[in-house]
Amino acid sequence: MSVILHIETSTDVCSVAVSQDGACIFQKEDHGNADGRVRSGGSAEKLGSFVDEALSFTDSHAIPFDAVAVSCGPGSYTGLRIGVSMAKGICYGRNLKLIAVPTLELLCTPVLICHSEIEEDALLCPMIDARRMEVYAGIYDRSLKAVRDIQADVVDTDTYRPWLEEHPVYFFGNGAKKCMETISHPNAHLIEGIEPIAKWMSPMAEKRHANGQFEDVAYFVPFYLKDFVAKQPKKLL
């Protein structure tokens, strides 16, 4: 029995959900710009509004929270920082447990739930856009066991060849489409429209809650994968 607030801000999508015993009872989503760029200010504004609505909803129904789950990366440096900061603030303010959900595993959840056509021996490769031909990617089997660790991949024709030679591999996430022509292998399949959304966090968050797998609110940081590098605007050069 658990009630969990879910926060996801790792890409241009900002979303908040509440699950009660695994069922989604509240959700809000904002899908960002058409160009796919993360809107740091917009995400912060939307997230605050969505969280306020979620808390008002649960408070008005006298539903007490047990934990806050946050998507922990990899992804947008600014987006992750905003999401984790919000999650920590709520945990401190309401004395709640903090649960971290890996973003690439989160991307796999709607694929496993909604795409029954995927073969039993298939591998899943969620990808988050890291600009140009670079993506943050991992490779998982259908049980979400990591077949290859998460890396920042500069994609070429050989990047995933060892796995493609042995299995059908399904690529998805906002970094996948741009890579498909380069990957170009008969075992490579693209699933479009897969985004990290808060409502899909529930299965992993519930499991971590049941197992007592919580984070230290004071010291937890997102999995950025790469260090943030600030760039001077071109107009100032």
C-alpha atoms as a PDB file:
ATOM      1  CA  MET A   1       0.000   0.000   0.000  1.00  0.00           C
ATOM      2  CA  SER A   2       1.689   3.222  -1.117  1.00  0.00           C
ATOM      3  CA  VAL A   3       0.999   6.661  -2.545  1.00  0.00           C
ATOM      4  CA  ILE A   4       3.855   8.103  -4.578  1.00  0.00           C
ATOM      5  CA  LEU A   5       4.359  11.461  -6.281  1.00  0.00           C
ATOM      6  CA  HIS A   6       6.271  11.026  -9.572  1.00  0.00           C
ATOM      7  CA  ILE A   7       8.354  13.795 -11.192  1.00  0.00           C
ATOM      8  CA  GLU A   8       9.942  13.609 -14.660  1.00  0.00           C
ATOM      9  CA  THR A   9      11.936  16.469 -16.242  1.00  0.00           C
ATOM     10  CA  SER A  10      14.862  14.743 -17.969  1.00  0.00           C
ATOM     11  CA  THR A  11      13.951  15.910 -21.515  1.00  0.00           C
ATOM     12  CA  ASP A  12      11.739  18.583 -23.083  1.00  0.00           C
ATOM     13  CA  VAL A  13       8.721  16.808 -21.555  1.00  0.00           C
ATOM     14  CA  CYS A  14       7.710  17.945 -18.067  1.00  0.00           C
ATOM     15  CA  SER A  15       5.303  15.618 -16.263  1.00  0.00           C
ATOM     16  CA  VAL A  16       3.942  14.870 -12.807  1.00  0.00           C
ATOM     17  CA  ALA A  17       1.795  11.957 -11.663  1.00  0.00           C
ATOM     18  CA  VAL A  18       0.432  10.412  -8.481  1.00  0.00           C
ATOM     19  CA  SER A  19       0.033   6.658  -8.084  1.00  0.00           C
ATOM     20  CA  GLN A  20      -1.933   4.878  -5.371  1.00  0.00           C
ATOM     21  CA  ASP A  21      -1.135   1.182  -4.985  1.00  0.00           C
ATOM     22  CA  GLY A  22       0.219   1.149  -8.536  1.00  0.00           C
ATOM     23  CA  ALA A  23      -2.770   2.894 -10.160  1.00  0.00           C
ATOM     24  CA  CYS A  24      -2.367   6.400 -11.602  1.00  0.00           C
ATOM     25  CA  ILE A  25      -4.861   8.767  -9.937  1.00  0.00           C
ATOM     26  CA  PHE A  26      -3.454  12.099 -11.162  1.00  0.00           C
ATOM     27  CA  GLN A  27      -1.286  13.177 -14.094  1.00  0.00           C
ATOM     28  CA  LYS A  28      -0.163  16.341 -15.862  1.00  0.00           C
ATOM     29  CA  GLU A  29       2.091  16.618 -18.917  1.00  0.00           C
ATOM     30  CA  ASP A  30       3.674  19.367 -20.973  1.00  0.00           C
ATOM     31  CA  HIS A  31       5.469  18.260 -24.124  1.00  0.00           C
ATOM     32  CA  GLY A  32       7.768  21.218 -24.664  1.00  0.00           C
ATOM     33  CA  ASN A  33       8.792  22.898 -27.882  1.00  0.00           C
ATOM     34  CA  ALA A  34       8.254  21.497 -31.338  1.00  0.00           C
ATOM     35  CA  ASP A  35      11.995  21.765 -31.927  1.00  0.00           C
ATOM     36  CA  GLY A  36      12.658  19.403 -29.009  1.00  0.00           C
ATOM     37  CA  ARG A  37      14.894  21.757 -27.031  1.00  0.00           C
ATOM     38  CA  VAL A  38      14.649  21.638 -23.266  1.00  0.00           C
ATOM     39  CA  ARG A  39      13.071  24.805 -21.911  1.00  0.00           C
ATOM     40  CA  SER A  40      14.756  25.253 -18.553  1.00  0.00           C
ATOM     41  CA  GLY A  41      12.643  28.213 -17.461  1.00  0.00           C
ATOM     42  CA  GLY A  42       9.447  26.741 -18.892  1.00  0.00           C
ATOM     43  CA  SER A  43      10.092  23.396 -17.255  1.00  0.00           C
ATOM     44  CA  ALA A  44      10.571  25.036 -13.872  1.00  0.00           C
ATOM     45  CA  GLU A  45       7.367  27.035 -14.241  1.00  0.00           C
ATOM     46  CA  LYS A  46       5.301  24.076 -15.447  1.00  0.00           C
ATOM     47  CA  LEU A  47       6.740  21.712 -12.838  1.00  0.00           C
ATOM     48  CA  GLY A  48       5.864  24.035  -9.966  1.00  0.00           C
ATOM     49  CA  SER A  49       2.311  24.401 -11.255  1.00  0.00           C
ATOM     50  CA  PHE A  50       1.873  20.655 -11.807  1.00  0.00           C
ATOM     51  CA  VAL A  51       3.244  19.782  -8.362  1.00  0.00           C
ATOM     52  CA  ASP A  52       0.949  22.336  -6.719  1.00  0.00           C
ATOM     53  CA  GLU A  53      -2.030  20.752  -8.499  1.00  0.00           C
ATOM     54  CA  ALA A  54      -0.958  17.248  -7.460  1.00  0.00           C
ATOM     55  CA  LEU A  55      -0.542  18.251  -3.821  1.00  0.00           C
ATOM     56  CA  SER A  56      -3.871  20.087  -3.816  1.00  0.00           C
ATOM     57  CA  PHE A  57      -5.567  17.036  -5.315  1.00  0.00           C
ATOM     58  CA  THR A  58      -4.200  14.610  -2.746  1.00  0.00           C
ATOM     59  CA  ASP A  59      -4.716  16.995   0.173  1.00  0.00           C
ATOM     60  CA  SER A  60      -8.338  17.626  -0.829  1.00  0.00           C
ATOM     61  CA  HIS A  61      -8.942  13.858  -0.862  1.00  0.00           C
ATOM     62  CA  ALA A  62      -7.024  13.314   2.407  1.00  0.00           C
ATOM     63  CA  ILE A  63      -4.534  11.029   0.644  1.00  0.00           C
ATOM     64  CA  PRO A  64      -1.168  11.033   2.459  1.00  0.00           C
ATOM     65  CA  PHE A  65       2.008  10.537   0.435  1.00  0.00           C
ATOM     66  CA  ASP A  66       4.546   7.842   1.281  1.00  0.00           C
ATOM     67  CA  ALA A  67       7.349   8.864  -1.091  1.00  0.00           C
ATOM     68  CA  VAL A  68       8.461  11.036  -3.986  1.00  0.00           C
ATOM     69  CA  ALA A  69       9.937   9.360  -7.068  1.00  0.00           C
ATOM     70  CA  VAL A  70      12.080  11.333  -9.496  1.00  0.00           C
ATOM     71  CA  SER A  71      13.587  10.411 -12.834  1.00  0.00           C
ATOM     72  CA  CYS A  72      17.326  10.540 -12.118  1.00  0.00           C
ATOM     73  CA  GLY A  73      18.990  10.562 -15.539  1.00  0.00           C
ATOM     74  CA  PRO A  74      20.791  10.627 -17.777  1.00  0.00           C
ATOM     75  CA  GLY A  75      19.240  13.523 -19.626  1.00  0.00           C
ATOM     76  CA  SER A  76      19.186  17.314 -19.687  1.00  0.00           C
ATOM     77  CA  TYR A  77      21.501  18.722 -17.017  1.00  0.00           C
ATOM     78  CA  THR A  78      19.130  21.596 -16.287  1.00  0.00           C
ATOM     79  CA  GLY A  79      16.005  19.452 -16.436  1.00  0.00           C
ATOM     80  CA  LEU A  80      17.391  16.838 -14.060  1.00  0.00           C
ATOM     81  CA  ARG A  81      18.579  19.498 -11.636  1.00  0.00           C
ATOM     82  CA  ILE A  82      15.136  21.127 -11.590  1.00  0.00           C
ATOM     83  CA  GLY A  83      13.315  17.837 -11.075  1.00  0.00           C
ATOM     84  CA  VAL A  84      15.587  16.539  -8.327  1.00  0.00           C
ATOM     85  CA  SER A  85      15.559  19.893  -6.516  1.00  0.00           C
ATOM     86  CA  MET A  86      11.763  19.902  -6.520  1.00  0.00           C
ATOM     87  CA  ALA A  87      11.626  16.279  -5.318  1.00  0.00           C
ATOM     88  CA  LYS A  88      14.062  17.004  -2.488  1.00  0.00           C
ATOM     89  CA  GLY A  89      12.115  20.072  -1.404  1.00  0.00           C
ATOM     90  CA  ILE A  90       8.897  18.080  -1.121  1.00  0.00           C
ATOM     91  CA  CYS A  91      10.667  15.272   0.748  1.00  0.00           C
ATOM     92  CA  TYR A  92      12.086  17.753   3.263  1.00  0.00           C
ATOM     93  CA  GLY A  93       8.829  19.671   3.630  1.00  0.00           C
ATOM     94  CA  ARG A  94       6.627  16.601   4.116  1.00  0.00           C
ATOM     95  CA  ASN A  95       9.150  14.203   5.639  1.00  0.00           C
ATOM     96  CA  LEU A  96       8.890  11.731   2.746  1.00  0.00           C
ATOM     97  CA  LYS A  97      11.194   9.088   1.313  1.00  0.00           C
ATOM     98  CA  LEU A  98      13.027   9.760  -1.982  1.00  0.00           C
ATOM     99  CA  ILE A  99      13.044   7.176  -4.779  1.00  0.00           C
ATOM    100  CA  ALA A 100      15.279   7.464  -7.865  1.00  0.00           C
ATOM    101  CA  VAL A 101      14.091   5.940 -11.162  1.00  0.00           C
ATOM    102  CA  PRO A 102      16.695   5.565 -13.965  1.00  0.00           C
ATOM    103  CA  THR A 103      15.454   7.475 -16.989  1.00  0.00           C
ATOM    104  CA  LEU A 104      16.482   4.925 -19.615  1.00  0.00           C
ATOM    105  CA  GLU A 105      14.697   2.131 -17.734  1.00  0.00           C
ATOM    106  CA  LEU A 106      11.665   4.412 -17.493  1.00  0.00           C
ATOM    107  CA  LEU A 107      11.688   4.741 -21.294  1.00  0.00           C
ATOM    108  CA  CYS A 108      11.506   0.945 -21.572  1.00  0.00           C
ATOM    109  CA  THR A 109       8.308   0.707 -19.517  1.00  0.00           C
ATOM    110  CA  PRO A 110       5.755   1.862 -22.154  1.00  0.00           C
ATOM    111  CA  VAL A 111       7.524  -0.277 -24.757  1.00  0.00           C
ATOM    112  CA  LEU A 112       7.141  -3.411 -22.636  1.00  0.00           C
ATOM    113  CA  ILE A 113       3.542  -2.590 -21.713  1.00  0.00           C
ATOM    114  CA  CYS A 114       2.215  -1.366 -25.065  1.00  0.00           C
ATOM    115  CA  HIS A 115       4.212  -3.267 -27.712  1.00  0.00           C
ATOM    116  CA  SER A 116       3.365  -6.963 -27.545  1.00  0.00           C
ATOM    117  CA  GLU A 117       4.940  -7.594 -30.955  1.00  0.00           C
ATOM    118  CA  ILE A 118       8.477  -7.478 -29.543  1.00  0.00           C
ATOM    119  CA  GLU A 119      10.187 -10.863 -29.710  1.00  0.00           C
ATOM    120  CA  GLU A 120      11.214 -12.695 -26.538  1.00  0.00           C
ATOM    121  CA  ASP A 121      14.920 -12.550 -27.424  1.00  0.00           C
ATOM    122  CA  ALA A 122      14.803  -8.891 -28.451  1.00  0.00           C
ATOM    123  CA  LEU A 123      16.948  -6.230 -26.821  1.00  0.00           C
ATOM    124  CA  LEU A 124      15.806  -2.722 -25.948  1.00  0.00           C
ATOM    125  CA  CYS A 125      17.957   0.340 -26.591  1.00  0.00           C
ATOM    126  CA  PRO A 126      16.474   3.544 -25.151  1.00  0.00           C
ATOM    127  CA  MET A 127      18.184   6.694 -26.384  1.00  0.00           C
ATOM    128  CA  ILE A 128      18.157  10.266 -25.103  1.00  0.00           C
ATOM    129  CA  ASP A 129      19.351  12.946 -27.503  1.00  0.00           C
ATOM    130  CA  ALA A 130      22.697  14.485 -26.559  1.00  0.00           C
ATOM    131  CA  ARG A 131      22.922  16.596 -29.754  1.00  0.00           C
ATOM    132  CA  ARG A 132      24.510  15.908 -33.137  1.00  0.00           C
ATOM    133  CA  MET A 133      25.079  12.148 -33.487  1.00  0.00           C
ATOM    134  CA  GLU A 134      25.592  11.579 -29.779  1.00  0.00           C
ATOM    135  CA  VAL A 135      23.043   9.892 -27.532  1.00  0.00           C
ATOM    136  CA  TYR A 136      22.841   8.615 -23.974  1.00  0.00           C
ATOM    137  CA  ALA A 137      21.962   4.955 -24.395  1.00  0.00           C
ATOM    138  CA  GLY A 138      21.852   1.610 -22.665  1.00  0.00           C
ATOM    139  CA  ILE A 139      20.933  -1.902 -23.807  1.00  0.00           C
ATOM    140  CA  TYR A 140      18.514  -4.082 -21.841  1.00  0.00           C
ATOM    141  CA  ASP A 141      16.766  -7.406 -22.194  1.00  0.00           C
ATOM    142  CA  ARG A 142      13.021  -7.700 -21.674  1.00  0.00           C
ATOM    143  CA  SER A 143      13.456  -8.151 -17.918  1.00  0.00           C
ATOM    144  CA  LEU A 144      15.334  -4.803 -17.849  1.00  0.00           C
ATOM    145  CA  LYS A 145      18.594  -6.531 -17.033  1.00  0.00           C
ATOM    146  CA  ALA A 146      21.427  -4.378 -18.387  1.00  0.00           C
ATOM    147  CA  VAL A 147      23.176  -6.066 -21.308  1.00  0.00           C
ATOM    148  CA  ARG A 148      25.441  -3.065 -21.778  1.00  0.00           C
ATOM    149  CA  ASP A 149      26.041  -0.213 -19.365  1.00  0.00           C
ATOM    150  CA  ILE A 150      24.783   3.296 -20.052  1.00  0.00           C
ATOM    151  CA  GLN A 151      27.176   5.315 -22.185  1.00  0.00           C
ATOM    152  CA  ALA A 152      27.345   8.500 -24.208  1.00  0.00           C
ATOM    153  CA  ASP A 153      27.519   7.029 -27.728  1.00  0.00           C
ATOM    154  CA  VAL A 154      28.654   8.804 -30.855  1.00  0.00           C
ATOM    155  CA  VAL A 155      26.625   6.626 -33.226  1.00  0.00           C
ATOM    156  CA  ASP A 156      28.115   5.085 -36.350  1.00  0.00           C
ATOM    157  CA  THR A 157      27.411   1.899 -38.291  1.00  0.00           C
ATOM    158  CA  ASP A 158      29.358  -0.259 -35.834  1.00  0.00           C
ATOM    159  CA  THR A 159      28.193   1.156 -32.487  1.00  0.00           C
ATOM    160  CA  TYR A 160      25.558  -1.532 -31.875  1.00  0.00           C
ATOM    161  CA  ARG A 161      26.644  -4.152 -34.394  1.00  0.00           C
ATOM    162  CA  PRO A 162      27.690  -6.842 -31.838  1.00  0.00           C
ATOM    163  CA  TRP A 163      24.143  -6.918 -30.430  1.00  0.00           C
ATOM    164  CA  LEU A 164      22.409  -6.490 -33.795  1.00  0.00           C
ATOM    165  CA  GLU A 165      24.225  -9.528 -35.178  1.00  0.00           C
ATOM    166  CA  GLU A 166      22.701 -11.697 -32.425  1.00  0.00           C
ATOM    167  CA  HIS A 167      19.291 -10.167 -31.640  1.00  0.00           C
ATOM    168  CA  PRO A 168      16.569  -7.888 -32.933  1.00  0.00           C
ATOM    169  CA  VAL A 169      17.175  -4.537 -31.225  1.00  0.00           C
ATOM    170  CA  TYR A 170      14.446  -1.948 -30.700  1.00  0.00           C
ATOM    171  CA  PHE A 171      15.577   1.690 -30.581  1.00  0.00           C
ATOM    172  CA  PHE A 172      13.351   4.397 -29.083  1.00  0.00           C
ATOM    173  CA  GLY A 173      13.434   7.707 -27.235  1.00  0.00           C
ATOM    174  CA  ASN A 174      14.066  11.224 -28.545  1.00  0.00           C
ATOM    175  CA  GLY A 175      17.567  10.321 -29.734  1.00  0.00           C
ATOM    176  CA  ALA A 176      16.639   7.239 -31.754  1.00  0.00           C
ATOM    177  CA  LYS A 177      15.135   8.484 -35.004  1.00  0.00           C
ATOM    178  CA  LYS A 178      18.186  10.490 -36.061  1.00  0.00           C
ATOM    179  CA  CYS A 179      20.374   7.382 -35.650  1.00  0.00           C
ATOM    180  CA  MET A 180      18.401   4.838 -37.664  1.00  0.00           C
ATOM    181  CA  GLU A 181      19.814   5.651 -41.089  1.00  0.00           C
ATOM    182  CA  THR A 182      23.335   5.434 -39.681  1.00  0.00           C
ATOM    183  CA  ILE A 183      22.694   2.157 -37.825  1.00  0.00           C
ATOM    184  CA  SER A 184      21.105   0.621 -40.950  1.00  0.00           C
ATOM    185  CA  HIS A 185      20.859  -3.084 -40.012  1.00  0.00           C
ATOM    186  CA  PRO A 186      18.002  -5.535 -40.729  1.00  0.00           C
ATOM    187  CA  ASN A 187      17.733  -6.328 -37.011  1.00  0.00           C
ATOM    188  CA  ALA A 188      17.379  -2.641 -36.066  1.00  0.00           C
ATOM    189  CA  HIS A 189      13.812  -1.478 -35.391  1.00  0.00           C
ATOM    190  CA  LEU A 190      12.551   1.993 -34.494  1.00  0.00           C
ATOM    191  CA  ILE A 191       9.625   2.598 -32.131  1.00  0.00           C
ATOM    192  CA  GLU A 192       8.459   6.200 -32.405  1.00  0.00           C
ATOM    193  CA  GLY A 193       6.576   8.299 -29.887  1.00  0.00           C
ATOM    194  CA  ILE A 194       8.224   6.920 -26.736  1.00  0.00           C
ATOM    195  CA  GLU A 195       8.864   9.617 -24.129  1.00  0.00           C
ATOM    196  CA  PRO A 196       9.808   9.514 -20.446  1.00  0.00           C
ATOM    197  CA  ILE A 197       6.510  10.299 -18.729  1.00  0.00           C
ATOM    198  CA  ALA A 198       5.837  10.409 -14.983  1.00  0.00           C
ATOM    199  CA  LYS A 199       2.841   8.060 -15.170  1.00  0.00           C
ATOM    200  CA  TRP A 200       5.123   5.226 -16.378  1.00  0.00           C
ATOM    201  CA  MET A 201       7.361   5.525 -13.316  1.00  0.00           C
ATOM    202  CA  SER A 202       4.938   3.693 -11.046  1.00  0.00           C
ATOM    203  CA  PRO A 203       6.055   0.040 -11.600  1.00  0.00           C
ATOM    204  CA  MET A 204       9.714   0.770 -10.825  1.00  0.00           C
ATOM    205  CA  ALA A 205       8.946   3.213  -8.018  1.00  0.00           C
ATOM    206  CA  GLU A 206       6.533   0.765  -6.371  1.00  0.00           C
ATOM    207  CA  LYS A 207       9.149  -1.991  -6.537  1.00  0.00           C
ATOM    208  CA  ARG A 208      11.818   0.221  -4.996  1.00  0.00           C
ATOM    209  CA  HIS A 209       9.392   1.334  -2.301  1.00  0.00           C
ATOM    210  CA  ALA A 210       8.514  -2.263  -1.419  1.00  0.00           C
ATOM    211  CA  ASN A 211      12.222  -3.161  -1.271  1.00  0.00           C
ATOM    212  CA  GLY A 212      13.101  -0.143   0.881  1.00  0.00           C
ATOM    213  CA  GLN A 213      15.363   1.196  -1.873  1.00  0.00           C
ATOM    214  CA  PHE A 214      15.452   4.869  -0.933  1.00  0.00           C
ATOM    215  CA  GLU A 215      17.970   7.654  -1.537  1.00  0.00           C
ATOM    216  CA  ASP A 216      19.625   9.968   0.954  1.00  0.00           C
ATOM    217  CA  VAL A 217      17.694  13.210   0.455  1.00  0.00           C
ATOM    218  CA  ALA A 218      20.619  15.377   1.542  1.00  0.00           C
ATOM    219  CA  TYR A 219      23.293  13.837  -0.675  1.00  0.00           C
ATOM    220  CA  PHE A 220      21.483  12.422  -3.696  1.00  0.00           C
ATOM    221  CA  VAL A 221      22.459  13.879  -7.086  1.00  0.00           C
ATOM    222  CA  PRO A 222      21.172  12.966 -10.569  1.00  0.00           C
ATOM    223  CA  PHE A 223      23.101  10.734 -12.953  1.00  0.00           C
ATOM    224  CA  TYR A 224      24.283  13.407 -15.380  1.00  0.00           C
ATOM    225  CA  LEU A 225      26.664  11.000 -17.187  1.00  0.00           C
ATOM    226  CA  LYS A 226      28.651  13.954 -18.541  1.00  0.00           C
ATOM    227  CA  ASP A 227      29.729  17.100 -16.765  1.00  0.00           C
ATOM    228  CA  PHE A 228      27.867  20.276 -17.613  1.00  0.00           C
ATOM    229  CA  VAL A 229      29.917  22.655 -19.751  1.00  0.00           C
ATOM    230  CA  ALA A 230      28.740  26.268 -19.884  1.00  0.00           C
ATOM    231  CA  LYS A 231      29.173  27.952 -23.258  1.00  0.00           C
ATOM    232  CA  GLN A 232      29.499  31.658 -23.919  1.00  0.00           C
ATOM    233  CA  PRO A 233      26.769  32.943 -26.250  1.00  0.00           C
ATOM    234  CA  LYS A 234      28.072  33.525 -29.770  1.00  0.00           C
ATOM    235  CA  LYS A 235      26.835  37.138 -29.795  1.00  0.00           C
ATOM    236  CA  LEU A 236      29.229  37.896 -26.916  1.00  0.00           C
ATOM    237  CA  LEU A 237      32.283  36.429 -28.641  1.00  0.00           C
END
